[in-house]
């Protein structure tokens, strides 16, 4: 075993602390970047959503993403469950777009029906 004097040991401990702090800062920056991206994607989905249900779902997703982004920006630690939820939400992002298309068709048909009845 190699003997290390006190000054060297203190320097190594300081280096390790700074290294861990730098890694934690990088991880926090990655989480913040991911939260910003999720917030922006949810805002874009909200803008393109048609139909009450699609708008409500997109708005709920946007509010969740915004809350996550604000917490990360303010330095709060989020539970480890948040990345699992984001991974679970990724396949669902395609589903609301498909639902919006399905919601549009009945809305258009409903809009056409009163027009046809009004002149008669």
PDB file of N, CA and C in Angstrom:
ATOM      1  N   UNK A   1       0.840  -1.170   0.000  1.00  0.00           N
ATOM      2  CA  UNK A   1       0.000   0.000   0.000  1.00  0.00           C
ATOM      3  C   UNK A   1       0.894   1.244   0.000  1.00  0.00           C
ATOM      4  N   UNK A   2       0.508   2.213  -0.798  1.00  0.00           N
ATOM      5  CA  UNK A   2       1.299   3.426  -0.935  1.00  0.00           C
ATOM      6  C   UNK A   2       0.885   4.411   0.149  1.00  0.00           C
ATOM      7  N   UNK A   3       1.885   4.982   0.806  1.00  0.00           N
ATOM      8  CA  UNK A   3       1.591   5.985   1.824  1.00  0.00           C
ATOM      9  C   UNK A   3       1.492   7.348   1.154  1.00  0.00           C
ATOM     10  N   UNK A   4       0.467   8.092   1.528  1.00  0.00           N
ATOM     11  CA  UNK A   4       0.241   9.421   0.965  1.00  0.00           C
ATOM     12  C   UNK A   4       0.288  10.420   2.118  1.00  0.00           C
ATOM     13  N   UNK A   5       1.055  11.497   1.927  1.00  0.00           N
ATOM     14  CA  UNK A   5       1.117  12.505   2.985  1.00  0.00           C
ATOM     15  C   UNK A   5      -0.206  13.275   3.057  1.00  0.00           C
ATOM     16  N   UNK A   6      -0.391  14.023   4.119  1.00  0.00           N
ATOM     17  CA  UNK A   6      -1.656  14.717   4.371  1.00  0.00           C
ATOM     18  C   UNK A   6      -1.990  15.729   3.282  1.00  0.00           C
ATOM     19  N   UNK A   7      -1.011  16.468   2.804  1.00  0.00           N
ATOM     20  CA  UNK A   7      -1.274  17.476   1.767  1.00  0.00           C
ATOM     21  C   UNK A   7      -1.760  16.827   0.473  1.00  0.00           C
ATOM     22  N   UNK A   8      -1.139  15.720   0.099  1.00  0.00           N
ATOM     23  CA  UNK A   8      -1.548  15.024  -1.118  1.00  0.00           C
ATOM     24  C   UNK A   8      -2.951  14.446  -0.948  1.00  0.00           C
ATOM     25  N   UNK A   9      -3.228  13.899   0.214  1.00  0.00           N
ATOM     26  CA  UNK A   9      -4.549  13.334   0.476  1.00  0.00           C
ATOM     27  C   UNK A   9      -5.624  14.421   0.423  1.00  0.00           C
ATOM     28  N   UNK A  10      -5.347  15.573   1.001  1.00  0.00           N
ATOM     29  CA  UNK A  10      -6.303  16.682   0.962  1.00  0.00           C
ATOM     30  C   UNK A  10      -6.525  17.155  -0.472  1.00  0.00           C
ATOM     31  N   UNK A  11      -5.442  17.208  -1.250  1.00  0.00           N
ATOM     32  CA  UNK A  11      -5.559  17.631  -2.648  1.00  0.00           C
ATOM     33  C   UNK A  11      -6.392  16.632  -3.446  1.00  0.00           C
ATOM     34  N   UNK A  12      -6.181  15.347  -3.202  1.00  0.00           N
ATOM     35  CA  UNK A  12      -6.964  14.320  -3.892  1.00  0.00           C
ATOM     36  C   UNK A  12      -8.440  14.392  -3.500  1.00  0.00           C
ATOM     37  N   UNK A  13      -8.723  14.598  -2.231  1.00  0.00           N
ATOM     38  CA  UNK A  13     -10.112  14.729  -1.787  1.00  0.00           C
ATOM     39  C   UNK A  13     -10.775  15.950  -2.426  1.00  0.00           C
ATOM     40  N   UNK A  14     -10.042  17.062  -2.485  1.00  0.00           N
ATOM     41  CA  UNK A  14     -10.573  18.270  -3.114  1.00  0.00           C
ATOM     42  C   UNK A  14     -10.837  18.031  -4.599  1.00  0.00           C
ATOM     43  N   UNK A  15      -9.907  17.360  -5.268  1.00  0.00           N
ATOM     44  CA  UNK A  15     -10.082  17.045  -6.687  1.00  0.00           C
ATOM     45  C   UNK A  15     -11.315  16.173  -6.893  1.00  0.00           C
ATOM     46  N   UNK A  16     -11.462  15.148  -6.057  1.00  0.00           N
ATOM     47  CA  UNK A  16     -12.612  14.248  -6.184  1.00  0.00           C
ATOM     48  C   UNK A  16     -13.928  14.986  -5.954  1.00  0.00           C
ATOM     49  N   UNK A  17     -13.963  15.872  -4.958  1.00  0.00           N
ATOM     50  CA  UNK A  17     -15.185  16.643  -4.702  1.00  0.00           C
ATOM     51  C   UNK A  17     -15.527  17.527  -5.895  1.00  0.00           C
ATOM     52  N   UNK A  18     -14.517  18.199  -6.433  1.00  0.00           N
ATOM     53  CA  UNK A  18     -14.757  19.081  -7.584  1.00  0.00           C
ATOM     54  C   UNK A  18     -15.172  18.274  -8.810  1.00  0.00           C
ATOM     55  N   UNK A  19     -14.576  17.107  -8.982  1.00  0.00           N
ATOM     56  CA  UNK A  19     -14.931  16.248 -10.110  1.00  0.00           C
ATOM     57  C   UNK A  19     -16.381  15.783  -9.992  1.00  0.00           C
ATOM     58  N   UNK A  20     -16.782  15.374  -8.804  1.00  0.00           N
ATOM     59  CA  UNK A  20     -18.170  14.950  -8.583  1.00  0.00           C
ATOM     60  C   UNK A  20     -19.134  16.112  -8.783  1.00  0.00           C
ATOM     61  N   UNK A  21     -18.743  17.293  -8.326  1.00  0.00           N
ATOM     62  CA  UNK A  21     -19.600  18.474  -8.500  1.00  0.00           C
ATOM     63  C   UNK A  21     -19.741  18.818  -9.982  1.00  0.00           C
ATOM     64  N   UNK A  22     -18.657  18.684 -10.741  1.00  0.00           N
ATOM     65  CA  UNK A  22     -18.715  18.966 -12.180  1.00  0.00           C
ATOM     66  C   UNK A  22     -19.617  17.956 -12.885  1.00  0.00           C
ATOM     67  N   UNK A  23     -19.527  16.695 -12.511  1.00  0.00           N
ATOM     68  CA  UNK A  23     -20.388  15.670 -13.100  1.00  0.00           C
ATOM     69  C   UNK A  23     -21.852  15.923 -12.748  1.00  0.00           C
ATOM     70  N   UNK A  24     -22.110  16.317 -11.509  1.00  0.00           N
ATOM     71  CA  UNK A  24     -23.484  16.616 -11.094  1.00  0.00           C
ATOM     72  C   UNK A  24     -24.024  17.821 -11.859  1.00  0.00           C
ATOM     73  N   UNK A  25     -23.172  18.819 -12.085  1.00  0.00           N
ATOM     74  CA  UNK A  25     -23.601  20.002 -12.839  1.00  0.00           C
ATOM     75  C   UNK A  25     -23.917  19.630 -14.286  1.00  0.00           C
ATOM     76  N   UNK A  26     -23.103  18.770 -14.882  1.00  0.00           N
ATOM     77  CA  UNK A  26     -23.365  18.323 -16.256  1.00  0.00           C
ATOM     78  C   UNK A  26     -24.674  17.541 -16.328  1.00  0.00           C
ATOM     79  N   UNK A  27     -24.902  16.678 -15.348  1.00  0.00           N
ATOM     80  CA  UNK A  27     -26.145  15.896 -15.323  1.00  0.00           C
ATOM     81  C   UNK A  27     -27.350  16.815 -15.154  1.00  0.00           C
ATOM     82  N   UNK A  28     -27.226  17.824 -14.298  1.00  0.00           N
ATOM     83  CA  UNK A  28     -28.321  18.776 -14.107  1.00  0.00           C
ATOM     84  C   UNK A  28     -28.574  19.554 -15.389  1.00  0.00           C
ATOM     85  N   UNK A  29     -27.519  19.927 -16.092  1.00  0.00           N
ATOM     86  CA  UNK A  29     -27.666  20.655 -17.361  1.00  0.00           C
ATOM     87  C   UNK A  29     -28.361  19.782 -18.406  1.00  0.00           C
ATOM     88  N   UNK A  30     -28.001  18.496 -18.443  1.00  0.00           N
ATOM     89  CA  UNK A  30     -28.664  17.583 -19.386  1.00  0.00           C
ATOM     90  C   UNK A  30     -30.147  17.439 -19.051  1.00  0.00           C
ATOM     91  N   UNK A  31     -30.473  17.306 -17.754  1.00  0.00           N
ATOM     92  CA  UNK A  31     -31.879  17.200 -17.350  1.00  0.00           C
ATOM     93  C   UNK A  31     -32.644  18.471 -17.697  1.00  0.00           C
ATOM     94  N   UNK A  32     -32.007  19.629 -17.495  1.00  0.00           N
ATOM     95  CA  UNK A  32     -32.653  20.900 -17.811  1.00  0.00           C
ATOM     96  C   UNK A  32     -32.884  21.028 -19.311  1.00  0.00           C
ATOM     97  N   UNK A  33     -31.893  20.645 -20.107  1.00  0.00           N
ATOM     98  CA  UNK A  33     -32.034  20.693 -21.564  1.00  0.00           C
ATOM     99  C   UNK A  33     -33.158  19.774 -22.020  1.00  0.00           C
ATOM    100  N   UNK A  34     -33.228  18.592 -21.426  1.00  0.00           N
ATOM    101  CA  UNK A  34     -34.282  17.637 -21.771  1.00  0.00           C
ATOM    102  C   UNK A  34     -35.654  18.187 -21.383  1.00  0.00           C
ATOM    103  N   UNK A  35     -35.729  18.853 -20.233  1.00  0.00           N
ATOM    104  CA  UNK A  35     -36.998  19.433 -19.782  1.00  0.00           C
ATOM    105  C   UNK A  35     -37.435  20.573 -20.690  1.00  0.00           C
ATOM    106  N   UNK A  36     -36.480  21.387 -21.147  1.00  0.00           N
ATOM    107  CA  UNK A  36     -36.800  22.486 -22.069  1.00  0.00           C
ATOM    108  C   UNK A  36     -37.335  21.920 -23.374  1.00  0.00           C
ATOM    109  N   UNK A  37     -36.689  20.863 -23.858  1.00  0.00           N
ATOM    110  CA  UNK A  37     -37.127  20.239 -25.108  1.00  0.00           C
ATOM    111  C   UNK A  37     -38.540  19.663 -24.956  1.00  0.00           C
ATOM    112  N   UNK A  38     -38.793  18.983 -23.842  1.00  0.00           N
ATOM    113  CA  UNK A  38     -40.125  18.408 -23.605  1.00  0.00           C
ATOM    114  C   UNK A  38     -41.176  19.504 -23.505  1.00  0.00           C
ATOM    115  N   UNK A  39     -40.827  20.611 -22.856  1.00  0.00           N
ATOM    116  CA  UNK A  39     -41.759  21.740 -22.722  1.00  0.00           C
ATOM    117  C   UNK A  39     -42.075  22.327 -24.091  1.00  0.00           C
ATOM    118  N   UNK A  40     -41.044  22.514 -24.912  1.00  0.00           N
ATOM    119  CA  UNK A  40     -41.252  23.083 -26.245  1.00  0.00           C
ATOM    120  C   UNK A  40     -42.069  22.152 -27.137  1.00  0.00           C
ATOM    121  N   UNK A  41     -41.795  20.843 -27.052  1.00  0.00           N
ATOM    122  CA  UNK A  41     -42.562  19.879 -27.848  1.00  0.00           C
ATOM    123  C   UNK A  41     -44.028  19.854 -27.407  1.00  0.00           C
ATOM    124  N   UNK A  42     -44.252  19.937 -26.109  1.00  0.00           N
ATOM    125  CA  UNK A  42     -45.626  19.939 -25.603  1.00  0.00           C
ATOM    126  C   UNK A  42     -46.350  21.210 -26.028  1.00  0.00           C
ATOM    127  N   UNK A  43     -45.645  22.338 -26.044  1.00  0.00           N
ATOM    128  CA  UNK A  43     -46.256  23.596 -26.494  1.00  0.00           C
ATOM    129  C   UNK A  43     -46.613  23.514 -27.972  1.00  0.00           C
ATOM    130  N   UNK A  44     -45.734  22.913 -28.773  1.00  0.00           N
ATOM    131  CA  UNK A  44     -46.018  22.752 -30.202  1.00  0.00           C
ATOM    132  C   UNK A  44     -47.212  21.824 -30.412  1.00  0.00           C
ATOM    133  N   UNK A  45     -47.290  20.753 -29.637  1.00  0.00           N
ATOM    134  CA  UNK A  45     -48.423  19.826 -29.744  1.00  0.00           C
ATOM    135  C   UNK A  45     -49.719  20.518 -29.343  1.00  0.00           C
ATOM    136  N   UNK A  46     -49.644  21.392 -28.356  1.00  0.00           N
ATOM    137  CA  UNK A  46     -50.834  22.126 -27.921  1.00  0.00           C
ATOM    138  C   UNK A  46     -51.322  23.065 -29.012  1.00  0.00           C
ATOM    139  N   UNK A  47     -50.391  23.696 -29.711  1.00  0.00           N
ATOM    140  CA  UNK A  47     -50.771  24.615 -30.788  1.00  0.00           C
ATOM    141  C   UNK A  47     -51.446  23.877 -31.941  1.00  0.00           C
ATOM    142  N   UNK A  48     -51.007  22.646 -32.202  1.00  0.00           N
ATOM    143  CA  UNK A  48     -51.529  21.900 -33.341  1.00  0.00           C
ATOM    144  C   UNK A  48     -52.719  21.020 -32.980  1.00  0.00           C
ATOM    145  N   UNK A  49     -53.064  20.943 -31.718  1.00  0.00           N
ATOM    146  CA  UNK A  49     -54.151  20.063 -31.291  1.00  0.00           C
ATOM    147  C   UNK A  49     -55.500  20.628 -31.723  1.00  0.00           C
ATOM    148  N   UNK A  50     -56.359  19.733 -32.181  1.00  0.00           N
ATOM    149  CA  UNK A  50     -57.722  20.085 -32.570  1.00  0.00           C
ATOM    150  C   UNK A  50     -58.667  19.189 -31.788  1.00  0.00           C
ATOM    151  N   UNK A  51     -59.770  19.718 -31.380  1.00  0.00           N
ATOM    152  CA  UNK A  51     -60.729  18.947 -30.594  1.00  0.00           C
ATOM    153  C   UNK A  51     -60.491  19.170 -29.115  1.00  0.00           C
ATOM    154  N   UNK A  52     -61.540  19.137 -28.348  1.00  0.00           N
ATOM    155  CA  UNK A  52     -61.458  19.444 -26.924  1.00  0.00           C
ATOM    156  C   UNK A  52     -60.598  18.437 -26.164  1.00  0.00           C
ATOM    157  N   UNK A  53     -60.755  17.154 -26.458  1.00  0.00           N
ATOM    158  CA  UNK A  53     -59.997  16.140 -25.737  1.00  0.00           C
ATOM    159  C   UNK A  53     -58.516  16.231 -26.060  1.00  0.00           C
ATOM    160  N   UNK A  54     -58.184  16.427 -27.323  1.00  0.00           N
ATOM    161  CA  UNK A  54     -56.784  16.527 -27.722  1.00  0.00           C
ATOM    162  C   UNK A  54     -56.144  17.768 -27.110  1.00  0.00           C
ATOM    163  N   UNK A  55     -56.879  18.865 -27.085  1.00  0.00           N
ATOM    164  CA  UNK A  55     -56.356  20.096 -26.487  1.00  0.00           C
ATOM    165  C   UNK A  55     -56.139  19.898 -24.992  1.00  0.00           C
ATOM    166  N   UNK A  56     -57.078  19.252 -24.320  1.00  0.00           N
ATOM    167  CA  UNK A  56     -56.950  19.015 -22.881  1.00  0.00           C
ATOM    168  C   UNK A  56     -55.747  18.121 -22.585  1.00  0.00           C
ATOM    169  N   UNK A  57     -55.562  17.073 -23.379  1.00  0.00           N
ATOM    170  CA  UNK A  57     -54.426  16.178 -23.173  1.00  0.00           C
ATOM    171  C   UNK A  57     -53.113  16.900 -23.443  1.00  0.00           C
ATOM    172  N   UNK A  58     -53.058  17.667 -24.528  1.00  0.00           N
ATOM    173  CA  UNK A  58     -51.838  18.398 -24.861  1.00  0.00           C
ATOM    174  C   UNK A  58     -51.540  19.460 -23.807  1.00  0.00           C
ATOM    175  N   UNK A  59     -52.567  20.112 -23.304  1.00  0.00           N
ATOM    176  CA  UNK A  59     -52.356  21.140 -22.280  1.00  0.00           C
ATOM    177  C   UNK A  59     -51.863  20.514 -20.979  1.00  0.00           C
ATOM    178  N   UNK A  60     -52.409  19.363 -20.617  1.00  0.00           N
ATOM    179  CA  UNK A  60     -51.960  18.678 -19.406  1.00  0.00           C
ATOM    180  C   UNK A  60     -50.498  18.271 -19.541  1.00  0.00           C
ATOM    181  N   UNK A  61     -50.131  17.766 -20.709  1.00  0.00           N
ATOM    182  CA  UNK A  61     -48.745  17.379 -20.953  1.00  0.00           C
ATOM    183  C   UNK A  61     -47.838  18.603 -20.886  1.00  0.00           C
ATOM    184  N   UNK A  62     -48.286  19.718 -21.461  1.00  0.00           N
ATOM    185  CA  UNK A  62     -47.497  20.945 -21.450  1.00  0.00           C
ATOM    186  C   UNK A  62     -47.310  21.448 -20.019  1.00  0.00           C
ATOM    187  N   UNK A  63     -48.389  21.416 -19.225  1.00  0.00           N
ATOM    188  CA  UNK A  63     -48.286  21.888 -17.841  1.00  0.00           C
ATOM    189  C   UNK A  63     -47.317  21.020 -17.035  1.00  0.00           C
ATOM    190  N   UNK A  64     -47.338  19.718 -17.266  1.00  0.00           N
ATOM    191  CA  UNK A  64     -46.415  18.821 -16.580  1.00  0.00           C
ATOM    192  C   UNK A  64     -44.978  19.122 -16.982  1.00  0.00           C
ATOM    193  N   UNK A  65     -44.753  19.292 -18.283  1.00  0.00           N
ATOM    194  CA  UNK A  65     -43.408  19.602 -18.770  1.00  0.00           C
ATOM    195  C   UNK A  65     -42.935  20.951 -18.241  1.00  0.00           C
ATOM    196  N   UNK A  66     -43.820  21.928 -18.199  1.00  0.00           N
ATOM    197  CA  UNK A  66     -43.471  23.253 -17.689  1.00  0.00           C
ATOM    198  C   UNK A  66     -43.109  23.180 -16.209  1.00  0.00           C
ATOM    199  N   UNK A  67     -43.877  22.418 -15.440  1.00  0.00           N
ATOM    200  CA  UNK A  67     -43.599  22.262 -14.018  1.00  0.00           C
ATOM    201  C   UNK A  67     -42.236  21.606 -13.806  1.00  0.00           C
ATOM    202  N   UNK A  68     -41.953  20.564 -14.580  1.00  0.00           N
ATOM    203  CA  UNK A  68     -40.666  19.887 -14.487  1.00  0.00           C
ATOM    204  C   UNK A  68     -39.536  20.839 -14.823  1.00  0.00           C
ATOM    205  N   UNK A  69     -39.697  21.603 -15.904  1.00  0.00           N
ATOM    206  CA  UNK A  69     -38.667  22.558 -16.324  1.00  0.00           C
ATOM    207  C   UNK A  69     -38.431  23.608 -15.238  1.00  0.00           C
ATOM    208  N   UNK A  70     -39.507  24.141 -14.662  1.00  0.00           N
ATOM    209  CA  UNK A  70     -39.357  25.161 -13.625  1.00  0.00           C
ATOM    210  C   UNK A  70     -38.657  24.602 -12.391  1.00  0.00           C
ATOM    211  N   UNK A  71     -39.004  23.375 -12.008  1.00  0.00           N
ATOM    212  CA  UNK A  71     -38.353  22.769 -10.850  1.00  0.00           C
ATOM    213  C   UNK A  71     -36.863  22.571 -11.095  1.00  0.00           C
ATOM    214  N   UNK A  72     -36.517  22.064 -12.276  1.00  0.00           N
ATOM    215  CA  UNK A  72     -35.110  21.854 -12.589  1.00  0.00           C
ATOM    216  C   UNK A  72     -34.368  23.183 -12.679  1.00  0.00           C
ATOM    217  N   UNK A  73     -35.014  24.190 -13.261  1.00  0.00           N
ATOM    218  CA  UNK A  73     -34.391  25.506 -13.392  1.00  0.00           C
ATOM    219  C   UNK A  73     -34.119  26.104 -12.018  1.00  0.00           C
ATOM    220  N   UNK A  74     -35.031  25.869 -11.076  1.00  0.00           N
ATOM    221  CA  UNK A  74     -34.888  26.411  -9.731  1.00  0.00           C
ATOM    222  C   UNK A  74     -33.957  25.574  -8.859  1.00  0.00           C
ATOM    223  N   UNK A  75     -33.469  24.466  -9.393  1.00  0.00           N
ATOM    224  CA  UNK A  75     -32.496  23.660  -8.672  1.00  0.00           C
ATOM    225  C   UNK A  75     -33.087  22.560  -7.821  1.00  0.00           C
ATOM    226  N   UNK A  76     -34.368  22.292  -7.951  1.00  0.00           N
ATOM    227  CA  UNK A  76     -34.978  21.210  -7.175  1.00  0.00           C
ATOM    228  C   UNK A  76     -34.560  19.867  -7.754  1.00  0.00           C
ATOM    229  N   UNK A  77     -34.431  18.903  -6.872  1.00  0.00           N
ATOM    230  CA  UNK A  77     -34.134  17.550  -7.310  1.00  0.00           C
ATOM    231  C   UNK A  77     -35.448  16.832  -7.558  1.00  0.00           C
ATOM    232  N   UNK A  78     -35.575  16.234  -8.714  1.00  0.00           N
ATOM    233  CA  UNK A  78     -36.776  15.473  -9.040  1.00  0.00           C
ATOM    234  C   UNK A  78     -36.525  14.008  -8.737  1.00  0.00           C
ATOM    235  N   UNK A  79     -37.571  13.271  -8.388  1.00  0.00           N
ATOM    236  CA  UNK A  79     -37.393  11.838  -8.152  1.00  0.00           C
ATOM    237  C   UNK A  79     -36.948  11.137  -9.433  1.00  0.00           C
ATOM    238  N   UNK A  80     -36.346   9.974  -9.265  1.00  0.00           N
ATOM    239  CA  UNK A  80     -35.862   9.214 -10.422  1.00  0.00           C
ATOM    240  C   UNK A  80     -36.994   8.696 -11.282  1.00  0.00           C
ATOM    241  N   UNK A  81     -38.232   8.781 -10.821  1.00  0.00           N
ATOM    242  CA  UNK A  81     -39.375   8.305 -11.589  1.00  0.00           C
ATOM    243  C   UNK A  81     -39.654   9.191 -12.793  1.00  0.00           C
ATOM    244  N   UNK A  82     -39.224  10.452 -12.775  1.00  0.00           N
ATOM    245  CA  UNK A  82     -39.514  11.390 -13.865  1.00  0.00           C
ATOM    246  C   UNK A  82     -38.959  10.903 -15.203  1.00  0.00           C
ATOM    247  N   UNK A  83     -37.701  10.410 -15.289  1.00  0.00           N
ATOM    248  CA  UNK A  83     -37.242   9.915 -16.591  1.00  0.00           C
ATOM    249  C   UNK A  83     -38.041   8.709 -17.070  1.00  0.00           C
ATOM    250  N   UNK A  84     -38.496   7.867 -16.153  1.00  0.00           N
ATOM    251  CA  UNK A  84     -39.302   6.716 -16.553  1.00  0.00           C
ATOM    252  C   UNK A  84     -40.630   7.183 -17.125  1.00  0.00           C
ATOM    253  N   UNK A  85     -41.200   8.233 -16.532  1.00  0.00           N
ATOM    254  CA  UNK A  85     -42.457   8.767 -17.045  1.00  0.00           C
ATOM    255  C   UNK A  85     -42.253   9.380 -18.420  1.00  0.00           C
ATOM    256  N   UNK A  86     -41.116  10.081 -18.613  1.00  0.00           N
ATOM    257  CA  UNK A  86     -40.842  10.684 -19.911  1.00  0.00           C
ATOM    258  C   UNK A  86     -40.670   9.599 -20.970  1.00  0.00           C
ATOM    259  N   UNK A  87     -40.013   8.513 -20.603  1.00  0.00           N
ATOM    260  CA  UNK A  87     -39.832   7.421 -21.548  1.00  0.00           C
ATOM    261  C   UNK A  87     -41.183   6.790 -21.878  1.00  0.00           C
ATOM    262  N   UNK A  88     -42.057   6.707 -20.892  1.00  0.00           N
ATOM    263  CA  UNK A  88     -43.390   6.152 -21.130  1.00  0.00           C
ATOM    264  C   UNK A  88     -44.229   7.105 -21.966  1.00  0.00           C
ATOM    265  N   UNK A  89     -43.996   8.406 -21.843  1.00  0.00           N
ATOM    266  CA  UNK A  89     -44.765   9.390 -22.601  1.00  0.00           C
ATOM    267  C   UNK A  89     -44.353   9.444 -24.063  1.00  0.00           C
ATOM    268  N   UNK A  90     -43.152   9.036 -24.386  1.00  0.00           N
ATOM    269  CA  UNK A  90     -42.675   9.139 -25.756  1.00  0.00           C
ATOM    270  C   UNK A  90     -43.571   8.397 -26.739  1.00  0.00           C
ATOM    271  N   UNK A  91     -43.962   7.132 -26.506  1.00  0.00           N
ATOM    272  CA  UNK A  91     -44.874   6.490 -27.458  1.00  0.00           C
ATOM    273  C   UNK A  91     -46.251   7.146 -27.465  1.00  0.00           C
ATOM    274  N   UNK A  92     -46.669   7.693 -26.327  1.00  0.00           N
ATOM    275  CA  UNK A  92     -47.982   8.321 -26.244  1.00  0.00           C
ATOM    276  C   UNK A  92     -48.052   9.623 -27.028  1.00  0.00           C
ATOM    277  N   UNK A  93     -46.901  10.252 -27.289  1.00  0.00           N
ATOM    278  CA  UNK A  93     -46.915  11.509 -28.028  1.00  0.00           C
ATOM    279  C   UNK A  93     -47.486  11.310 -29.425  1.00  0.00           C
ATOM    280  N   UNK A  94     -47.267  10.133 -29.995  1.00  0.00           N
ATOM    281  CA  UNK A  94     -47.801   9.865 -31.324  1.00  0.00           C
ATOM    282  C   UNK A  94     -49.308   9.619 -31.254  1.00  0.00           C
ATOM    283  N   UNK A  95     -49.780   9.041 -30.170  1.00  0.00           N
ATOM    284  CA  UNK A  95     -51.199   8.727 -30.035  1.00  0.00           C
ATOM    285  C   UNK A  95     -52.076   9.979 -30.031  1.00  0.00           C
ATOM    286  N   UNK A  96     -51.743  11.060 -29.290  1.00  0.00           N
ATOM    287  CA  UNK A  96     -52.605  12.240 -29.348  1.00  0.00           C
ATOM    288  C   UNK A  96     -52.684  12.840 -30.747  1.00  0.00           C
ATOM    289  N   UNK A  97     -51.618  12.739 -31.526  1.00  0.00           N
ATOM    290  CA  UNK A  97     -51.664  13.260 -32.887  1.00  0.00           C
ATOM    291  C   UNK A  97     -52.673  12.454 -33.706  1.00  0.00           C
ATOM    292  N   UNK A  98     -52.701  11.147 -33.489  1.00  0.00           N
ATOM    293  CA  UNK A  98     -53.669  10.317 -34.194  1.00  0.00           C
ATOM    294  C   UNK A  98     -55.077  10.608 -33.686  1.00  0.00           C
ATOM    295  N   UNK A  99     -55.220  10.843 -32.387  1.00  0.00           N
ATOM    296  CA  UNK A  99     -56.530  11.159 -31.827  1.00  0.00           C
ATOM    297  C   UNK A  99     -57.027  12.485 -32.372  1.00  0.00           C
ATOM    298  N   UNK A 100     -56.122  13.430 -32.555  1.00  0.00           N
ATOM    299  CA  UNK A 100     -56.531  14.731 -33.081  1.00  0.00           C
ATOM    300  C   UNK A 100     -57.115  14.553 -34.473  1.00  0.00           C
ATOM    301  N   UNK A 101     -56.525  13.676 -35.273  1.00  0.00           N
ATOM    302  CA  UNK A 101     -57.041  13.423 -36.606  1.00  0.00           C
ATOM    303  C   UNK A 101     -58.424  12.789 -36.513  1.00  0.00           C
ATOM    304  N   UNK A 102     -58.589  11.847 -35.583  1.00  0.00           N
ATOM    305  CA  UNK A 102     -59.892  11.213 -35.405  1.00  0.00           C
ATOM    306  C   UNK A 102     -60.921  12.218 -34.891  1.00  0.00           C
ATOM    307  N   UNK A 103     -60.493  13.122 -34.026  1.00  0.00           N
ATOM    308  CA  UNK A 103     -61.411  14.117 -33.473  1.00  0.00           C
ATOM    309  C   UNK A 103     -61.833  15.131 -34.526  1.00  0.00           C
ATOM    310  N   UNK A 104     -60.969  15.411 -35.475  1.00  0.00           N
ATOM    311  CA  UNK A 104     -61.286  16.400 -36.501  1.00  0.00           C
ATOM    312  C   UNK A 104     -62.434  15.932 -37.392  1.00  0.00           C
ATOM    313  N   UNK A 105     -62.411  14.668 -37.777  1.00  0.00           N
ATOM    314  CA  UNK A 105     -63.418  14.166 -38.707  1.00  0.00           C
ATOM    315  C   UNK A 105     -64.836  14.283 -38.137  1.00  0.00           C
ATOM    316  N   UNK A 106     -65.121  13.831 -36.921  1.00  0.00           N
ATOM    317  CA  UNK A 106     -66.480  13.994 -36.401  1.00  0.00           C
ATOM    318  C   UNK A 106     -66.854  15.470 -36.237  1.00  0.00           C
ATOM    319  N   UNK A 107     -65.909  16.306 -35.879  1.00  0.00           N
ATOM    320  CA  UNK A 107     -66.209  17.727 -35.713  1.00  0.00           C
ATOM    321  C   UNK A 107     -66.596  18.333 -37.054  1.00  0.00           C
ATOM    322  N   UNK A 108     -65.906  17.939 -38.113  1.00  0.00           N
ATOM    323  CA  UNK A 108     -66.229  18.460 -39.441  1.00  0.00           C
ATOM    324  C   UNK A 108     -67.597  17.948 -39.896  1.00  0.00           C
ATOM    325  N   UNK A 109     -67.881  16.667 -39.619  1.00  0.00           N
ATOM    326  CA  UNK A 109     -69.176  16.113 -39.993  1.00  0.00           C
ATOM    327  C   UNK A 109     -70.286  16.806 -39.217  1.00  0.00           C
ATOM    328  N   UNK A 110     -70.044  17.071 -37.939  1.00  0.00           N
ATOM    329  CA  UNK A 110     -71.046  17.751 -37.119  1.00  0.00           C
ATOM    330  C   UNK A 110     -71.250  19.171 -37.625  1.00  0.00           C
ATOM    331  N   UNK A 111     -70.193  19.801 -38.077  1.00  0.00           N
ATOM    332  CA  UNK A 111     -70.311  21.161 -38.603  1.00  0.00           C
ATOM    333  C   UNK A 111     -71.087  21.151 -39.922  1.00  0.00           C
ATOM    334  N   UNK A 112     -70.918  20.115 -40.729  1.00  0.00           N
ATOM    335  CA  UNK A 112     -71.624  20.029 -42.005  1.00  0.00           C
ATOM    336  C   UNK A 112     -73.112  19.744 -41.795  1.00  0.00           C
ATOM    337  N   UNK A 113     -73.442  18.979 -40.796  1.00  0.00           N
ATOM    338  CA  UNK A 113     -74.828  18.594 -40.566  1.00  0.00           C
ATOM    339  C   UNK A 113     -75.727  19.800 -40.283  1.00  0.00           C
ATOM    340  N   UNK A 114     -75.380  20.731 -39.396  1.00  0.00           N
ATOM    341  CA  UNK A 114     -76.268  21.876 -39.168  1.00  0.00           C
ATOM    342  C   UNK A 114     -76.395  22.766 -40.409  1.00  0.00           C
ATOM    343  N   UNK A 115     -75.343  22.876 -41.214  1.00  0.00           N
ATOM    344  CA  UNK A 115     -75.418  23.689 -42.418  1.00  0.00           C
ATOM    345  C   UNK A 115     -76.440  23.111 -43.393  1.00  0.00           C
ATOM    346  N   UNK A 116     -76.471  21.795 -43.491  1.00  0.00           N
ATOM    347  CA  UNK A 116     -77.405  21.161 -44.414  1.00  0.00           C
ATOM    348  C   UNK A 116     -78.842  21.315 -43.919  1.00  0.00           C
ATOM    349  N   UNK A 117     -79.032  21.277 -42.606  1.00  0.00           N
ATOM    350  CA  UNK A 117     -80.373  21.372 -42.047  1.00  0.00           C
ATOM    351  C   UNK A 117     -80.888  22.808 -42.047  1.00  0.00           C
ATOM    352  N   UNK A 118     -80.012  23.774 -41.931  1.00  0.00           N
ATOM    353  CA  UNK A 118     -80.441  25.167 -41.841  1.00  0.00           C
ATOM    354  C   UNK A 118     -81.180  25.631 -43.102  1.00  0.00           C
ATOM    355  N   UNK A 119     -80.686  25.374 -44.342  1.00  0.00           N
ATOM    356  CA  UNK A 119     -81.410  25.827 -45.521  1.00  0.00           C
ATOM    357  C   UNK A 119     -82.729  25.069 -45.728  1.00  0.00           C
ATOM    358  N   UNK A 120     -82.837  23.842 -45.267  1.00  0.00           N
ATOM    359  CA  UNK A 120     -84.039  23.048 -45.491  1.00  0.00           C
ATOM    360  C   UNK A 120     -85.099  23.515 -44.583  1.00  0.00           C
TER     361      UNK A 120
END
